[in-house]
Protein backbone atom coordinates (compact mmCIF):
# COMPACT_ATOMS: atom_id res chain seq x y z
CA UNK A 1 -9.12 7.81 -10.93
CA UNK A 2 -9.07 5.02 -13.50
CA UNK A 3 -10.61 6.52 -16.64
CA UNK A 4 -11.60 4.95 -19.96
CA UNK A 5 -8.74 6.91 -21.52
CA UNK A 6 -6.21 5.39 -19.09
CA UNK A 7 -7.55 1.90 -19.71
CA UNK A 8 -7.28 2.47 -23.46
CA UNK A 9 -3.65 3.59 -23.12
CA UNK A 10 -2.80 0.51 -21.07
CA UNK A 11 -4.51 -1.69 -23.64
CA UNK A 12 -2.35 -0.19 -26.41
CA UNK A 13 0.88 -0.63 -24.41
CA UNK A 14 0.48 -4.13 -23.03
CA UNK A 15 0.62 -7.56 -24.62
CA UNK A 16 -1.10 -9.05 -21.57
CA UNK A 17 -4.15 -7.03 -20.49
CA UNK A 18 -4.05 -5.07 -17.24
CA UNK A 19 -6.26 -6.17 -14.37
CA UNK A 20 -8.01 -3.90 -11.88
CA UNK A 21 -8.57 -4.36 -8.14
CA UNK A 22 -6.21 -7.33 -8.38
CA UNK A 23 -5.87 -9.18 -5.02
CA UNK A 24 -2.23 -8.95 -4.02
CA UNK A 25 -2.60 -12.01 -1.80
CA UNK A 26 -2.34 -13.95 -5.07
CA UNK A 27 1.07 -12.42 -5.77
CA UNK A 28 2.92 -12.64 -2.45
CA UNK A 29 4.50 -15.68 -0.83
CA UNK A 30 2.79 -14.73 2.46
CA UNK A 31 -0.58 -14.94 0.63
CA UNK A 32 -1.53 -11.62 2.23
CA UNK A 33 -2.54 -8.31 0.70
CA UNK A 34 -5.49 -6.26 -0.46
CA UNK A 35 -6.25 -5.11 -4.03
CA UNK A 36 -3.94 -3.22 -6.37
CA UNK A 37 -5.70 -0.48 -8.31
CA UNK A 38 -3.95 -1.45 -11.56
CA UNK A 39 -1.87 -4.60 -12.00
CA UNK A 40 0.31 -5.11 -15.08
CA UNK A 41 2.87 -7.66 -16.27
CA UNK A 42 4.99 -6.13 -19.04
CA UNK A 43 6.36 -8.47 -21.70
CA UNK A 44 9.59 -6.58 -22.37
CA UNK A 45 11.64 -3.46 -21.66
CA UNK A 46 9.71 -1.43 -24.23
CA UNK A 47 6.48 -2.04 -22.33
CA UNK A 48 8.18 -1.17 -19.03
CA UNK A 49 9.40 2.15 -20.46
CA UNK A 50 5.96 2.95 -21.89
CA UNK A 51 4.26 2.14 -18.58
CA UNK A 52 6.63 4.37 -16.65
CA UNK A 53 6.06 7.22 -19.11
CA UNK A 54 2.29 6.79 -18.81
CA UNK A 55 2.47 6.69 -15.01
CA UNK A 56 4.45 9.93 -14.99
CA UNK A 57 1.99 11.61 -17.35
CA UNK A 58 -1.01 10.46 -15.31
CA UNK A 59 0.56 11.09 -11.89
CA UNK A 60 0.20 7.42 -10.93
CA UNK A 61 2.40 6.07 -8.14
CA UNK A 62 4.32 2.93 -9.15
CA UNK A 63 5.26 -0.16 -7.21
CA UNK A 64 7.54 -2.78 -8.75
CA UNK A 65 6.91 -6.40 -7.83
CA UNK A 66 8.94 -9.54 -8.34
CA UNK A 67 7.83 -12.87 -6.89
CA UNK A 68 6.38 -11.20 -3.80
CA UNK A 69 8.73 -12.74 -1.22
CA UNK A 70 10.03 -10.58 1.65
CA UNK A 71 6.99 -8.38 1.05
CA UNK A 72 4.05 -7.45 3.26
CA UNK A 73 1.21 -5.81 1.38
CA UNK A 74 -1.37 -3.83 3.32
CA UNK A 75 -4.86 -5.22 3.82
CA UNK A 76 -6.05 -2.01 2.13
CA UNK A 77 -4.01 -2.81 -0.97
CA UNK A 78 -1.80 -0.65 -3.17
CA UNK A 79 -2.89 2.55 -4.86
CA UNK A 80 -1.74 3.33 -8.37
CA UNK A 81 0.17 1.01 -10.68
CA UNK A 82 1.77 -2.31 -9.69
CA UNK A 83 4.31 -3.49 -12.27
CA UNK A 84 5.12 -7.18 -11.92
CA UNK A 85 8.38 -8.27 -13.52
CA UNK A 86 7.65 -11.93 -14.05
CA UNK A 87 7.90 -14.88 -16.39
CA UNK A 88 7.63 -12.81 -19.58
CA UNK A 89 10.92 -11.13 -18.63
CA UNK A 90 12.82 -14.22 -17.54
CA UNK A 91 14.85 -15.29 -20.56
CA UNK A 92 18.56 -16.11 -20.31
CA UNK A 93 21.43 -15.70 -22.75
CA UNK A 94 24.61 -17.63 -21.98
CA UNK A 95 28.20 -17.01 -23.05
CA UNK A 96 30.27 -19.80 -21.48
CA UNK A 97 29.76 -19.25 -17.71
CA UNK A 98 28.44 -15.73 -18.07
CA UNK A 99 24.68 -15.27 -18.19
CA UNK A 100 22.48 -12.29 -18.94
CA UNK A 101 19.19 -13.12 -17.23
CA UNK A 102 15.88 -11.30 -17.17
CA UNK A 103 14.92 -9.88 -13.80
CA UNK A 104 11.74 -11.96 -13.72
CA UNK A 105 13.47 -15.32 -13.59
CA UNK A 106 13.08 -17.16 -10.29
CA UNK A 107 16.30 -17.92 -8.43
CA UNK A 108 15.58 -21.67 -8.10
CA UNK A 109 15.03 -21.84 -11.87
CA UNK A 110 18.20 -19.89 -12.68
CA UNK A 111 20.30 -21.94 -10.26
CA UNK A 112 19.10 -25.20 -11.81
CA UNK A 113 19.69 -24.00 -15.37
CA UNK A 114 23.21 -23.01 -14.31
CA UNK A 115 23.79 -26.41 -12.69
CA UNK A 116 22.72 -28.26 -15.83
CA UNK A 117 25.30 -26.20 -17.74
CA UNK A 118 27.99 -27.12 -15.14
CA UNK A 119 28.15 -23.46 -14.07
CA UNK A 120 28.88 -23.11 -10.36
CA UNK A 121 28.16 -20.28 -7.94
CA UNK A 122 24.38 -20.16 -7.67
CA UNK A 123 23.90 -23.28 -5.58
CA UNK A 124 23.02 -21.19 -2.50
CA UNK A 125 20.02 -19.70 -4.35
CA UNK A 126 18.29 -23.00 -5.16
CA UNK A 127 15.76 -22.60 -2.34
CA UNK A 128 15.31 -18.82 -2.24
CA UNK A 129 11.71 -18.11 -3.37
CA UNK A 130 12.44 -14.82 -5.09
CA UNK A 131 13.04 -13.40 -8.54
CA UNK A 132 16.42 -12.16 -9.73
CA UNK A 133 15.27 -8.55 -9.73
CA UNK A 134 14.05 -8.70 -6.16
CA UNK A 135 17.20 -10.53 -5.11
CA UNK A 136 19.38 -7.80 -6.60
CA UNK A 137 17.46 -5.10 -4.76
CA UNK A 138 18.16 -6.62 -1.34
CA UNK A 139 21.34 -8.59 -2.16
CA UNK A 140 19.62 -11.84 -1.26
CA UNK A 141 21.79 -14.64 0.01
CA UNK A 142 22.09 -17.79 2.08
CA UNK A 143 24.74 -20.03 3.57
CA UNK A 144 27.40 -17.33 3.48
CA UNK A 145 26.86 -16.38 -0.18
CA UNK A 146 25.01 -13.48 -1.80
CA UNK A 147 23.85 -12.63 -5.31
CA UNK A 148 25.83 -9.39 -5.39
CA UNK A 149 29.10 -11.30 -5.47
CA UNK A 150 28.21 -12.65 -8.92
CA UNK A 151 26.98 -9.46 -10.60
CA UNK A 152 29.00 -7.83 -13.38
CA UNK A 153 26.32 -5.56 -14.86
CA UNK A 154 22.69 -4.52 -14.29
CA UNK A 155 20.21 -3.06 -16.76
CA UNK A 156 17.42 -0.84 -15.49
CA UNK A 157 14.92 1.77 -16.56
CA UNK A 158 14.49 4.81 -14.34
CA UNK A 159 11.02 6.12 -13.58
CA UNK A 160 11.89 9.05 -15.87
CA UNK A 161 12.20 6.56 -18.74
CA UNK A 162 16.01 6.72 -18.95
CA UNK A 163 17.70 3.38 -19.58
CA UNK A 164 20.91 2.60 -17.76
CA UNK A 165 23.50 -0.15 -17.79
CA UNK A 166 25.47 -0.11 -14.55
CA UNK A 167 28.83 -1.87 -14.42
CA UNK A 168 29.96 -3.62 -11.25
CA UNK A 169 32.28 -0.67 -10.58
CA UNK A 170 29.17 1.54 -10.30
CA UNK A 171 27.39 -0.84 -7.91
CA UNK A 172 27.81 -1.67 -4.25
CA UNK A 173 26.43 -4.57 -2.26
CA UNK A 174 26.35 -5.22 1.48
CA UNK A 175 24.37 -7.41 3.85
CA UNK A 176 20.75 -7.36 2.62
CA UNK A 177 21.32 -4.11 0.73
CA UNK A 178 22.42 -2.90 -2.67
CA UNK A 179 23.00 0.51 -4.21
CA UNK A 180 20.12 -0.08 -6.67
CA UNK A 181 17.54 -0.59 -3.91
CA UNK A 182 17.00 3.12 -3.38
CA UNK A 183 16.72 4.01 -7.05
CA UNK A 184 13.42 5.02 -8.62
CA UNK A 185 13.93 2.42 -11.31
CA UNK A 186 12.86 -0.98 -12.62
CA UNK A 187 15.60 -3.61 -12.82
CA UNK A 188 15.14 -5.43 -16.14
CA UNK A 189 18.14 -7.77 -16.33
CA UNK A 190 21.48 -8.61 -14.81
CA UNK A 191 24.70 -10.16 -16.03
CA UNK A 192 26.26 -12.73 -13.69
CA UNK A 193 29.66 -14.38 -13.84
CA UNK A 194 29.76 -17.99 -12.70
CA UNK A 195 32.55 -20.59 -12.65
CA UNK A 196 33.11 -23.93 -14.32
CA UNK A 197 32.06 -26.78 -12.06
CA UNK A 198 31.07 -30.43 -12.05
CA UNK A 199 27.36 -30.86 -12.85
CA UNK A 200 26.86 -33.88 -10.60
CA UNK A 201 28.59 -32.19 -7.66
CA UNK A 202 26.61 -28.99 -8.14
CA UNK A 203 23.30 -30.84 -8.29
CA UNK A 204 24.23 -32.91 -5.23
CA UNK A 205 25.05 -29.76 -3.25
CA UNK A 206 21.76 -28.18 -4.27
CA UNK A 207 19.87 -31.30 -3.23
CA UNK A 208 21.53 -31.18 0.19
CA UNK A 209 20.69 -27.49 0.64
CA UNK A 210 17.07 -28.16 -0.28
CA UNK A 211 17.00 -31.03 2.21
CA UNK A 212 18.31 -28.75 4.97
CA UNK A 213 15.72 -26.09 4.12
CA UNK A 214 12.89 -28.62 4.29
CA UNK A 215 14.21 -29.89 7.62
CA UNK A 216 14.73 -26.50 9.27
CA UNK A 217 12.14 -24.19 7.71
CA UNK A 218 8.30 -24.28 7.73
CA UNK A 219 7.93 -24.65 3.98
CA UNK A 220 4.46 -26.15 4.38
CA UNK A 221 3.02 -22.72 5.31
CA UNK A 222 2.98 -19.40 3.43
CA UNK A 223 5.70 -17.06 4.70
CA UNK A 224 8.01 -14.35 3.45
CA UNK A 225 11.18 -16.26 4.31
CA UNK A 226 13.31 -14.76 7.07
CA UNK A 227 11.58 -11.81 8.72
CA UNK A 228 14.55 -10.31 10.58
CA UNK A 229 18.12 -9.55 9.62
CA UNK A 230 20.80 -11.35 11.56
CA UNK A 231 22.53 -9.00 14.03
CA UNK A 232 26.32 -8.97 13.82
CA UNK A 233 27.71 -12.36 14.90
CA UNK A 234 24.24 -13.53 16.01
CA UNK A 235 21.30 -15.36 14.48
CA UNK A 236 17.91 -13.64 14.73
CA UNK A 237 16.05 -16.95 14.75
CA UNK A 238 18.06 -18.25 17.69
CA UNK A 239 17.51 -15.05 19.68
CA UNK A 240 13.76 -15.33 19.07
CA UNK A 241 13.76 -18.95 20.17
CA UNK A 242 15.85 -18.16 23.29
CA UNK A 243 13.27 -15.49 24.16
CA UNK A 244 10.66 -18.30 24.14
CA UNK A 245 8.68 -16.77 21.29
CA UNK A 246 8.13 -19.80 19.07
CA UNK A 247 4.38 -20.31 18.73
CA UNK A 248 3.57 -16.67 19.60
CA UNK A 249 0.40 -15.89 17.70
CA UNK A 250 -1.71 -12.97 16.55
CA UNK A 251 -4.84 -13.88 14.60
CA UNK A 252 -3.82 -16.10 11.71
CA UNK A 253 -0.12 -15.27 11.97
CA UNK A 254 2.30 -17.23 14.15
CA UNK A 255 6.02 -17.39 14.88
CA UNK A 256 6.98 -20.78 13.48
CA UNK A 257 7.57 -23.65 15.88
CA UNK A 258 10.20 -24.90 13.45
CA UNK A 259 12.27 -21.74 12.95
CA UNK A 260 12.07 -18.57 15.03
CA UNK A 261 12.82 -16.22 12.15
CA UNK A 262 9.72 -17.26 10.20
CA UNK A 263 6.25 -15.84 10.70
CA UNK A 264 3.79 -18.13 8.99
CA UNK A 265 0.28 -17.62 7.67
CA UNK A 266 -1.92 -20.30 9.22
CA UNK A 267 -4.60 -19.58 6.66
CA UNK A 268 -6.39 -16.35 7.50
CA UNK A 269 -3.58 -14.01 8.53
CA UNK A 270 -3.88 -10.31 7.75
CA UNK A 271 -1.11 -7.79 7.23
CA UNK A 272 -2.10 -6.19 10.52
CA UNK A 273 -1.69 -9.55 12.29
CA UNK A 274 1.85 -9.80 10.92
CA UNK A 275 2.77 -6.21 11.77
CA UNK A 276 1.59 -6.59 15.36
CA UNK A 277 3.45 -9.89 15.71
CA UNK A 278 6.66 -8.37 14.32
CA UNK A 279 6.41 -5.53 16.84
CA UNK A 280 5.84 -7.98 19.70
CA UNK A 281 8.85 -10.09 18.71
CA UNK A 282 11.10 -7.01 18.42
CA UNK A 283 10.01 -5.72 21.82
CA UNK A 284 10.44 -9.02 23.63
CA UNK A 285 13.84 -9.80 22.10
CA UNK A 286 14.99 -6.31 23.10
CA UNK A 287 13.78 -6.95 26.65
CA UNK A 288 15.43 -10.39 26.66
CA UNK A 289 18.93 -9.53 25.42
CA UNK A 290 19.10 -5.82 24.60
CA UNK A 291 19.36 -6.40 20.84
CA UNK A 292 17.03 -4.52 18.53
CA UNK A 293 16.07 -6.70 15.59
CA UNK A 294 15.72 -5.11 12.15
CA UNK A 295 13.34 -6.51 9.57
CA UNK A 296 14.17 -7.68 6.06
CA UNK A 297 10.52 -7.28 5.09
CA UNK A 298 9.46 -4.49 2.74
CA UNK A 299 6.00 -3.00 3.28
CA UNK A 300 3.77 -1.87 0.45
CA UNK A 301 0.42 -0.13 0.39
CA UNK A 302 -1.60 1.93 2.82
CA UNK A 303 -1.00 1.11 6.48
CA UNK A 304 -2.67 2.73 9.45
CA UNK A 305 0.04 4.71 11.32
CA UNK A 306 1.33 3.05 14.51
């Protein structure tokens, strides 16, 4: 229950006021999702720590949000406290080619800042529509590269309020997974090590990658990016296309005609539309080639059991 006392505590903690019954469709790249009970955007680590302490004291469940890509929020919304790590926690501090970046910075922004400093290594991330914090949680990558390969240190705050700095020796990264993803913690920043490069060459490579994305992906529609993980030595999108599933539709959600691994929101898609469509694609690909596709998508909120 959201009491006057709880609202007063949040008001004292936060620089930017909390909002209530906030539509999560406004905070996901799929443009899908019901209301969050309490939605907050902390301005710094001190506010994050205070919010986590308050949530523990009040028995509020917490959900941490980045840019809302690779995320499907229930039509019923999210109960408790949604903590968005966004623009207020996106500053960067550079030391030659090493950068300590706030978890709220968007990958396209960080990759361009790096390019303008002639720092190479983040070119692959120029078109990934996620924040650094979210990318670290799932070891986001593209074109044979992944963010985990650049990490030297991560700073986080556990739900208990304990602050930690984890060195690369204490971290592990694999395909679409990292050792921090299962922690009850908020990633606040990361330190990345890049290399010296040629600014013009870096910018040219990024421009080419963006051109390829625009050519091959349905960027004109809301989506979460790739829905399914690539099976070993195979491409999920190609398997979906070979199973003749492009254009498969449920309500306002459709498997893209442009790329099989994208489910797009045609305008009025619900989370239930997407869930049903994902299940149909998995079943039909399994029937077609015997491969069970696994999703990259994280679900949040209250879903009706299958």
